[in-house]
Amino acid sequence: LFLYTRSMLGISSKKIVLLLLFLPLIICFLGLSYLL
């Protein structure tokens, strides 16, 4: 949603924002890997 909104409006954002938004997904993959 955020990437689409940013692209539609053509407004740049800080890389830290993208990292924060994707961080839960990254941790999820790490958690799944650990449990497997």
ModelCIF file with pLDDT and N, C-alpha, C, O atoms, coordinates in Angstrom:
data_MODEL
#
_entry.id   MODEL 
#
_entity.id                         1 
_entity.type                       polymer 
_entity.pdbx_number_of_molecules   1 
#
_entity_poly.entity_id                      1 
_entity_poly.type                           'polypeptide(L)' 
_entity_poly.nstd_linkage                   no 
_entity_poly.nstd_monomer                   no 
_entity_poly.pdbx_seq_one_letter_code       LFLYTRSMLGISSKKIVLLLLFLPLIICFLGLSYLL 
_entity_poly.pdbx_seq_one_letter_code_can   LFLYTRSMLGISSKKIVLLLLFLPLIICFLGLSYLL 
_entity_poly.pdbx_strand_id                 A 
#
loop_
_entity_poly_seq.entity_id 
_entity_poly_seq.num 
_entity_poly_seq.mon_id 
_entity_poly_seq.hetero 
1 1  LEU n 
1 2  PHE n 
1 3  LEU n 
1 4  TYR n 
1 5  THR n 
1 6  ARG n 
1 7  SER n 
1 8  MET n 
1 9  LEU n 
1 10 GLY n 
1 11 ILE n 
1 12 SER n 
1 13 SER n 
1 14 LYS n 
1 15 LYS n 
1 16 ILE n 
1 17 VAL n 
1 18 LEU n 
1 19 LEU n 
1 20 LEU n 
1 21 LEU n 
1 22 PHE n 
1 23 LEU n 
1 24 PRO n 
1 25 LEU n 
1 26 ILE n 
1 27 ILE n 
1 28 CYS n 
1 29 PHE n 
1 30 LEU n 
1 31 GLY n 
1 32 LEU n 
1 33 SER n 
1 34 TYR n 
1 35 LEU n 
1 36 LEU n 
#
_struct_asym.id          A 
_struct_asym.entity_id   1 
#
loop_
_ma_qa_metric.id 
_ma_qa_metric.mode 
_ma_qa_metric.name 
_ma_qa_metric.software_group_id 
_ma_qa_metric.type 
1 global pLDDT . pLDDT 
2 local  pLDDT . pLDDT 
#
_ma_qa_metric_global.metric_id      1 
_ma_qa_metric_global.metric_value   86.14 
_ma_qa_metric_global.model_id       1 
_ma_qa_metric_global.ordinal_id     1 
#
loop_
_ma_qa_metric_local.label_asym_id 
_ma_qa_metric_local.label_comp_id 
_ma_qa_metric_local.label_seq_id 
_ma_qa_metric_local.metric_id 
_ma_qa_metric_local.metric_value 
_ma_qa_metric_local.model_id 
_ma_qa_metric_local.ordinal_id 
A LEU 1  2 95.00 1 1  
A PHE 2  2 95.00 1 2  
A LEU 3  2 93.00 1 3  
A TYR 4  2 92.00 1 4  
A THR 5  2 91.00 1 5  
A ARG 6  2 88.00 1 6  
A SER 7  2 83.00 1 7  
A MET 8  2 82.00 1 8  
A LEU 9  2 79.00 1 9  
A GLY 10 2 73.00 1 10 
A ILE 11 2 74.00 1 11 
A SER 12 2 73.00 1 12 
A SER 13 2 78.00 1 13 
A LYS 14 2 83.00 1 14 
A LYS 15 2 87.00 1 15 
A ILE 16 2 92.00 1 16 
A VAL 17 2 91.00 1 17 
A LEU 18 2 90.00 1 18 
A LEU 19 2 92.00 1 19 
A LEU 20 2 93.00 1 20 
A LEU 21 2 93.00 1 21 
A PHE 22 2 93.00 1 22 
A LEU 23 2 94.00 1 23 
A PRO 24 2 92.00 1 24 
A LEU 25 2 91.00 1 25 
A ILE 26 2 93.00 1 26 
A ILE 27 2 91.00 1 27 
A CYS 28 2 88.00 1 28 
A PHE 29 2 87.00 1 29 
A LEU 30 2 87.00 1 30 
A GLY 31 2 82.00 1 31 
A LEU 32 2 80.00 1 32 
A SER 33 2 81.00 1 33 
A TYR 34 2 76.00 1 34 
A LEU 35 2 75.00 1 35 
A LEU 36 2 74.00 1 36 
#
loop_
_atom_site.group_PDB 
_atom_site.id 
_atom_site.type_symbol 
_atom_site.label_atom_id 
_atom_site.label_alt_id 
_atom_site.label_comp_id 
_atom_site.label_asym_id 
_atom_site.label_entity_id 
_atom_site.label_seq_id 
_atom_site.pdbx_PDB_ins_code 
_atom_site.Cartn_x 
_atom_site.Cartn_y 
_atom_site.Cartn_z 
_atom_site.occupancy 
_atom_site.B_iso_or_equiv 
_atom_site.pdbx_formal_charge 
_atom_site.auth_seq_id 
_atom_site.auth_comp_id 
_atom_site.auth_asym_id 
_atom_site.auth_atom_id 
_atom_site.pdbx_PDB_model_num 
ATOM 1   N N  . LEU A 1 1  ? 0.841  -1.205  0.000  1.00 95.00 ? 1  LEU A N  1 
ATOM 2   C CA . LEU A 1 1  ? 0.000  0.000   0.000  1.00 95.00 ? 1  LEU A CA 1 
ATOM 3   C C  . LEU A 1 1  ? 0.871  1.247   0.000  1.00 95.00 ? 1  LEU A C  1 
ATOM 4   O O  . LEU A 1 1  ? 0.633  2.176   -0.772 1.00 95.00 ? 1  LEU A O  1 
ATOM 5   N N  . PHE A 1 2  ? 1.878  1.269   0.863  1.00 95.00 ? 2  PHE A N  1 
ATOM 6   C CA . PHE A 1 2  ? 2.763  2.431   0.948  1.00 95.00 ? 2  PHE A CA 1 
ATOM 7   C C  . PHE A 1 2  ? 3.540  2.632   -0.349 1.00 95.00 ? 2  PHE A C  1 
ATOM 8   O O  . PHE A 1 2  ? 3.628  3.753   -0.849 1.00 95.00 ? 2  PHE A O  1 
ATOM 9   N N  . LEU A 1 3  ? 4.105  1.557   -0.897 1.00 93.00 ? 3  LEU A N  1 
ATOM 10  C CA . LEU A 1 3  ? 4.866  1.663   -2.144 1.00 93.00 ? 3  LEU A CA 1 
ATOM 11  C C  . LEU A 1 3  ? 3.986  2.160   -3.281 1.00 93.00 ? 3  LEU A C  1 
ATOM 12  O O  . LEU A 1 3  ? 4.421  2.961   -4.108 1.00 93.00 ? 3  LEU A O  1 
ATOM 13  N N  . TYR A 1 4  ? 2.748  1.683   -3.319 1.00 92.00 ? 4  TYR A N  1 
ATOM 14  C CA . TYR A 1 4  ? 1.824  2.108   -4.380 1.00 92.00 ? 4  TYR A CA 1 
ATOM 15  C C  . TYR A 1 4  ? 1.469  3.580   -4.226 1.00 92.00 ? 4  TYR A C  1 
ATOM 16  O O  . TYR A 1 4  ? 1.470  4.326   -5.206 1.00 92.00 ? 4  TYR A O  1 
ATOM 17  N N  . THR A 1 5  ? 1.166  4.004   -3.001 1.00 91.00 ? 5  THR A N  1 
ATOM 18  C CA . THR A 1 5  ? 0.843  5.409   -2.741 1.00 91.00 ? 5  THR A CA 1 
ATOM 19  C C  . THR A 1 5  ? 2.010  6.308   -3.111 1.00 91.00 ? 5  THR A C  1 
ATOM 20  O O  . THR A 1 5  ? 1.830  7.346   -3.749 1.00 91.00 ? 5  THR A O  1 
ATOM 21  N N  . ARG A 1 6  ? 3.198  5.906   -2.708 1.00 88.00 ? 6  ARG A N  1 
ATOM 22  C CA . ARG A 1 6  ? 4.401  6.696   -3.014 1.00 88.00 ? 6  ARG A CA 1 
ATOM 23  C C  . ARG A 1 6  ? 4.626  6.815   -4.511 1.00 88.00 ? 6  ARG A C  1 
ATOM 24  O O  . ARG A 1 6  ? 4.964  7.888   -5.011 1.00 88.00 ? 6  ARG A O  1 
ATOM 25  N N  . SER A 1 7  ? 4.438  5.711   -5.225 1.00 83.00 ? 7  SER A N  1 
ATOM 26  C CA . SER A 1 7  ? 4.645  5.722   -6.672 1.00 83.00 ? 7  SER A CA 1 
ATOM 27  C C  . SER A 1 7  ? 3.574  6.543   -7.385 1.00 83.00 ? 7  SER A C  1 
ATOM 28  O O  . SER A 1 7  ? 3.881  7.279   -8.322 1.00 83.00 ? 7  SER A O  1 
ATOM 29  N N  . MET A 1 8  ? 2.324  6.422   -6.949 1.00 82.00 ? 8  MET A N  1 
ATOM 30  C CA . MET A 1 8  ? 1.224  7.178   -7.567 1.00 82.00 ? 8  MET A CA 1 
ATOM 31  C C  . MET A 1 8  ? 1.421  8.674   -7.408 1.00 82.00 ? 8  MET A C  1 
ATOM 32  O O  . MET A 1 8  ? 1.150  9.444   -8.330 1.00 82.00 ? 8  MET A O  1 
ATOM 33  N N  . LEU A 1 9  ? 1.894  9.088   -6.236 1.00 79.00 ? 9  LEU A N  1 
ATOM 34  C CA . LEU A 1 9  ? 2.066  10.510  -5.953 1.00 79.00 ? 9  LEU A CA 1 
ATOM 35  C C  . LEU A 1 9  ? 3.429  11.018  -6.403 1.00 79.00 ? 9  LEU A C  1 
ATOM 36  O O  . LEU A 1 9  ? 3.638  12.226  -6.512 1.00 79.00 ? 9  LEU A O  1 
ATOM 37  N N  . GLY A 1 10 ? 4.356  10.102  -6.665 1.00 73.00 ? 10 GLY A N  1 
ATOM 38  C CA . GLY A 1 10 ? 5.687  10.509  -7.114 1.00 73.00 ? 10 GLY A CA 1 
ATOM 39  C C  . GLY A 1 10 ? 6.490  11.217  -6.049 1.00 73.00 ? 10 GLY A C  1 
ATOM 40  O O  . GLY A 1 10 ? 7.333  12.062  -6.352 1.00 73.00 ? 10 GLY A O  1 
ATOM 41  N N  . ILE A 1 11 ? 6.225  10.869  -4.787 1.00 74.00 ? 11 ILE A N  1 
ATOM 42  C CA . ILE A 1 11 ? 6.917  11.521  -3.670 1.00 74.00 ? 11 ILE A CA 1 
ATOM 43  C C  . ILE A 1 11 ? 7.947  10.553  -3.087 1.00 74.00 ? 11 ILE A C  1 
ATOM 44  O O  . ILE A 1 11 ? 7.643  9.388   -2.832 1.00 74.00 ? 11 ILE A O  1 
ATOM 45  N N  . SER A 1 12 ? 9.141  11.038  -2.885 1.00 73.00 ? 12 SER A N  1 
ATOM 46  C CA . SER A 1 12 ? 10.186 10.195  -2.324 1.00 73.00 ? 12 SER A CA 1 
ATOM 47  C C  . SER A 1 12 ? 9.987  10.041  -0.818 1.00 73.00 ? 12 SER A C  1 
ATOM 48  O O  . SER A 1 12 ? 9.314  10.855  -0.184 1.00 73.00 ? 12 SER A O  1 
ATOM 49  N N  . SER A 1 13 ? 10.576 8.995   -0.257 1.00 78.00 ? 13 SER A N  1 
ATOM 50  C CA . SER A 1 13 ? 10.505 8.769   1.187  1.00 78.00 ? 13 SER A CA 1 
ATOM 51  C C  . SER A 1 13 ? 11.866 8.293   1.674  1.00 78.00 ? 13 SER A C  1 
ATOM 52  O O  . SER A 1 13 ? 12.695 7.840   0.886  1.00 78.00 ? 13 SER A O  1 
ATOM 53  N N  . LYS A 1 14 ? 12.084 8.400   2.966  1.00 83.00 ? 14 LYS A N  1 
ATOM 54  C CA . LYS A 1 14 ? 13.351 7.970   3.538  1.00 83.00 ? 14 LYS A CA 1 
ATOM 55  C C  . LYS A 1 14 ? 13.451 6.444   3.513  1.00 83.00 ? 14 LYS A C  1 
ATOM 56  O O  . LYS A 1 14 ? 12.456 5.737   3.677  1.00 83.00 ? 14 LYS A O  1 
ATOM 57  N N  . LYS A 1 15 ? 14.673 5.957   3.304  1.00 87.00 ? 15 LYS A N  1 
ATOM 58  C CA . LYS A 1 15 ? 14.899 4.513   3.254  1.00 87.00 ? 15 LYS A CA 1 
ATOM 59  C C  . LYS A 1 15 ? 14.556 3.849   4.584  1.00 87.00 ? 15 LYS A C  1 
ATOM 60  O O  . LYS A 1 15 ? 14.159 2.684   4.617  1.00 87.00 ? 15 LYS A O  1 
ATOM 61  N N  . ILE A 1 16 ? 14.711 4.591   5.678  1.00 92.00 ? 16 ILE A N  1 
ATOM 62  C CA . ILE A 1 16 ? 14.414 4.033   6.998  1.00 92.00 ? 16 ILE A CA 1 
ATOM 63  C C  . ILE A 1 16 ? 12.932 3.689   7.129  1.00 92.00 ? 16 ILE A C  1 
ATOM 64  O O  . ILE A 1 16 ? 12.571 2.753   7.843  1.00 92.00 ? 16 ILE A O  1 
ATOM 65  N N  . VAL A 1 17 ? 12.068 4.449   6.436  1.00 91.00 ? 17 VAL A N  1 
ATOM 66  C CA . VAL A 1 17 ? 10.630 4.174   6.475  1.00 91.00 ? 17 VAL A CA 1 
ATOM 67  C C  . VAL A 1 17 ? 10.347 2.828   5.812  1.00 91.00 ? 17 VAL A C  1 
ATOM 68  O O  . VAL A 1 17 ? 9.600  2.008   6.346  1.00 91.00 ? 17 VAL A O  1 
ATOM 69  N N  . LEU A 1 18 ? 10.949 2.610   4.646  1.00 90.00 ? 18 LEU A N  1 
ATOM 70  C CA . LEU A 1 18 ? 10.768 1.333   3.953  1.00 90.00 ? 18 LEU A CA 1 
ATOM 71  C C  . LEU A 1 18 ? 11.287 0.175   4.803  1.00 90.00 ? 18 LEU A C  1 
ATOM 72  O O  . LEU A 1 18 ? 10.663 -0.884  4.870  1.00 90.00 ? 18 LEU A O  1 
ATOM 73  N N  . LEU A 1 19 ? 12.421 0.386   5.443  1.00 92.00 ? 19 LEU A N  1 
ATOM 74  C CA . LEU A 1 19 ? 12.993 -0.660  6.297  1.00 92.00 ? 19 LEU A CA 1 
ATOM 75  C C  . LEU A 1 19 ? 12.051 -0.998  7.446  1.00 92.00 ? 19 LEU A C  1 
ATOM 76  O O  . LEU A 1 19 ? 11.836 -2.169  7.758  1.00 92.00 ? 19 LEU A O  1 
ATOM 77  N N  . LEU A 1 20 ? 11.486 0.043   8.078  1.00 93.00 ? 20 LEU A N  1 
ATOM 78  C CA . LEU A 1 20 ? 10.565 -0.173  9.194  1.00 93.00 ? 20 LEU A CA 1 
ATOM 79  C C  . LEU A 1 20 ? 9.317  -0.927  8.755  1.00 93.00 ? 20 LEU A C  1 
ATOM 80  O O  . LEU A 1 20 ? 8.819  -1.786  9.482  1.00 93.00 ? 20 LEU A O  1 
ATOM 81  N N  . LEU A 1 21 ? 8.805  -0.602  7.547  1.00 93.00 ? 21 LEU A N  1 
ATOM 82  C CA . LEU A 1 21 ? 7.584  -1.245  7.066  1.00 93.00 ? 21 LEU A CA 1 
ATOM 83  C C  . LEU A 1 21 ? 7.815  -2.697  6.668  1.00 93.00 ? 21 LEU A C  1 
ATOM 84  O O  . LEU A 1 21 ? 6.930  -3.539  6.817  1.00 93.00 ? 21 LEU A O  1 
ATOM 85  N N  . PHE A 1 22 ? 9.006  -2.983  6.163  1.00 93.00 ? 22 PHE A N  1 
ATOM 86  C CA . PHE A 1 22 ? 9.302  -4.360  5.757  1.00 93.00 ? 22 PHE A CA 1 
ATOM 87  C C  . PHE A 1 22 ? 9.932  -5.185  6.872  1.00 93.00 ? 22 PHE A C  1 
ATOM 88  O O  . PHE A 1 22 ? 10.101 -6.396  6.731  1.00 93.00 ? 22 PHE A O  1 
ATOM 89  N N  . LEU A 1 23 ? 10.278 -4.537  7.975  1.00 94.00 ? 23 LEU A N  1 
ATOM 90  C CA . LEU A 1 23 ? 10.929 -5.245  9.083  1.00 94.00 ? 23 LEU A CA 1 
ATOM 91  C C  . LEU A 1 23 ? 10.076 -6.383  9.647  1.00 94.00 ? 23 LEU A C  1 
ATOM 92  O O  . LEU A 1 23 ? 10.607 -7.469  9.876  1.00 94.00 ? 23 LEU A O  1 
ATOM 93  N N  . PRO A 1 24 ? 8.765  -6.178  9.882  1.00 92.00 ? 24 PRO A N  1 
ATOM 94  C CA . PRO A 1 24 ? 7.951  -7.306  10.376 1.00 92.00 ? 24 PRO A CA 1 
ATOM 95  C C  . PRO A 1 24 ? 7.982  -8.510  9.431  1.00 92.00 ? 24 PRO A C  1 
ATOM 96  O O  . PRO A 1 24 ? 8.007  -9.655  9.881  1.00 92.00 ? 24 PRO A O  1 
ATOM 97  N N  . LEU A 1 25 ? 7.981  -8.247  8.122  1.00 91.00 ? 25 LEU A N  1 
ATOM 98  C CA . LEU A 1 25 ? 8.028  -9.340  7.152  1.00 91.00 ? 25 LEU A CA 1 
ATOM 99  C C  . LEU A 1 25 ? 9.359  -10.076 7.227  1.00 91.00 ? 25 LEU A C  1 
ATOM 100 O O  . LEU A 1 25 ? 9.399  -11.305 7.162  1.00 91.00 ? 25 LEU A O  1 
ATOM 101 N N  . ILE A 1 26 ? 10.448 -9.323  7.364  1.00 93.00 ? 26 ILE A N  1 
ATOM 102 C CA . ILE A 1 26 ? 11.786 -9.929  7.474  1.00 93.00 ? 26 ILE A CA 1 
ATOM 103 C C  . ILE A 1 26 ? 11.882 -10.793 8.731  1.00 93.00 ? 26 ILE A C  1 
ATOM 104 O O  . ILE A 1 26 ? 12.381 -11.918 8.688  1.00 93.00 ? 26 ILE A O  1 
ATOM 105 N N  . ILE A 1 27 ? 11.396 -10.249 9.852  1.00 91.00 ? 27 ILE A N  1 
ATOM 106 C CA . ILE A 1 27 ? 11.432 -11.000 11.115 1.00 91.00 ? 27 ILE A CA 1 
ATOM 107 C C  . ILE A 1 27 ? 10.560 -12.248 11.019 1.00 91.00 ? 27 ILE A C  1 
ATOM 108 O O  . ILE A 1 27 ? 10.891 -13.296 11.572 1.00 91.00 ? 27 ILE A O  1 
ATOM 109 N N  . CYS A 1 28 ? 9.431  -12.117 10.301 1.00 88.00 ? 28 CYS A N  1 
ATOM 110 C CA . CYS A 1 28 ? 8.536  -13.269 10.114 1.00 88.00 ? 28 CYS A CA 1 
ATOM 111 C C  . CYS A 1 28 ? 9.257  -14.402 9.397  1.00 88.00 ? 28 CYS A C  1 
ATOM 112 O O  . CYS A 1 28 ? 9.169  -15.557 9.812  1.00 88.00 ? 28 CYS A O  1 
ATOM 113 N N  . PHE A 1 29 ? 9.971  -14.076 8.322  1.00 87.00 ? 29 PHE A N  1 
ATOM 114 C CA . PHE A 1 29 ? 10.710 -15.107 7.586  1.00 87.00 ? 29 PHE A CA 1 
ATOM 115 C C  . PHE A 1 29 ? 11.804 -15.736 8.456  1.00 87.00 ? 29 PHE A C  1 
ATOM 116 O O  . PHE A 1 29 ? 12.032 -16.945 8.411  1.00 87.00 ? 29 PHE A O  1 
ATOM 117 N N  . LEU A 1 30 ? 12.469 -14.899 9.239  1.00 87.00 ? 30 LEU A N  1 
ATOM 118 C CA . LEU A 1 30 ? 13.500 -15.420 10.144 1.00 87.00 ? 30 LEU A CA 1 
ATOM 119 C C  . LEU A 1 30 ? 12.882 -16.357 11.179 1.00 87.00 ? 30 LEU A C  1 
ATOM 120 O O  . LEU A 1 30 ? 13.441 -17.409 11.490 1.00 87.00 ? 30 LEU A O  1 
ATOM 121 N N  . GLY A 1 31 ? 11.710 -15.961 11.712 1.00 82.00 ? 31 GLY A N  1 
ATOM 122 C CA . GLY A 1 31 ? 11.014 -16.787 12.695 1.00 82.00 ? 31 GLY A CA 1 
ATOM 123 C C  . GLY A 1 31 ? 10.558 -18.111 12.112 1.00 82.00 ? 31 GLY A C  1 
ATOM 124 O O  . GLY A 1 31 ? 10.693 -19.156 12.748 1.00 82.00 ? 31 GLY A O  1 
ATOM 125 N N  . LEU A 1 32 ? 10.012 -18.067 10.882 1.00 80.00 ? 32 LEU A N  1 
ATOM 126 C CA . LEU A 1 32 ? 9.581  -19.300 10.215 1.00 80.00 ? 32 LEU A CA 1 
ATOM 127 C C  . LEU A 1 32 ? 10.770 -20.237 9.991  1.00 80.00 ? 32 LEU A C  1 
ATOM 128 O O  . LEU A 1 32 ? 10.683 -21.447 10.196 1.00 80.00 ? 32 LEU A O  1 
ATOM 129 N N  . SER A 1 33 ? 11.875 -19.637 9.567  1.00 81.00 ? 33 SER A N  1 
ATOM 130 C CA . SER A 1 33 ? 13.088 -20.435 9.332  1.00 81.00 ? 33 SER A CA 1 
ATOM 131 C C  . SER A 1 33 ? 13.545 -21.113 10.625 1.00 81.00 ? 33 SER A C  1 
ATOM 132 O O  . SER A 1 33 ? 13.906 -22.290 10.629 1.00 81.00 ? 33 SER A O  1 
ATOM 133 N N  . TYR A 1 34 ? 13.524 -20.362 11.706 1.00 76.00 ? 34 TYR A N  1 
ATOM 134 C CA . TYR A 1 34 ? 13.947 -20.906 13.007 1.00 76.00 ? 34 TYR A CA 1 
ATOM 135 C C  . TYR A 1 34 ? 13.039 -22.056 13.434 1.00 76.00 ? 34 TYR A C  1 
ATOM 136 O O  . TYR A 1 34 ? 13.522 -23.096 13.879 1.00 76.00 ? 34 TYR A O  1 
ATOM 137 N N  . LEU A 1 35 ? 11.718 -21.870 13.299 1.00 75.00 ? 35 LEU A N  1 
ATOM 138 C CA . LEU A 1 35 ? 10.774 -22.901 13.715 1.00 75.00 ? 35 LEU A CA 1 
ATOM 139 C C  . LEU A 1 35 ? 10.886 -24.151 12.853 1.00 75.00 ? 35 LEU A C  1 
ATOM 140 O O  . LEU A 1 35 ? 10.710 -25.267 13.342 1.00 75.00 ? 35 LEU A O  1 
ATOM 141 N N  . LEU A 1 36 ? 11.181 -23.961 11.563 1.00 74.00 ? 36 LEU A N  1 
ATOM 142 C CA . LEU A 1 36 ? 11.366 -25.108 10.679 1.00 74.00 ? 36 LEU A CA 1 
ATOM 143 C C  . LEU A 1 36 ? 12.595 -25.923 11.089 1.00 74.00 ? 36 LEU A C  1 
ATOM 144 O O  . LEU A 1 36 ? 12.908 -26.930 10.454 1.00 74.00 ? 36 LEU A O  1 
#
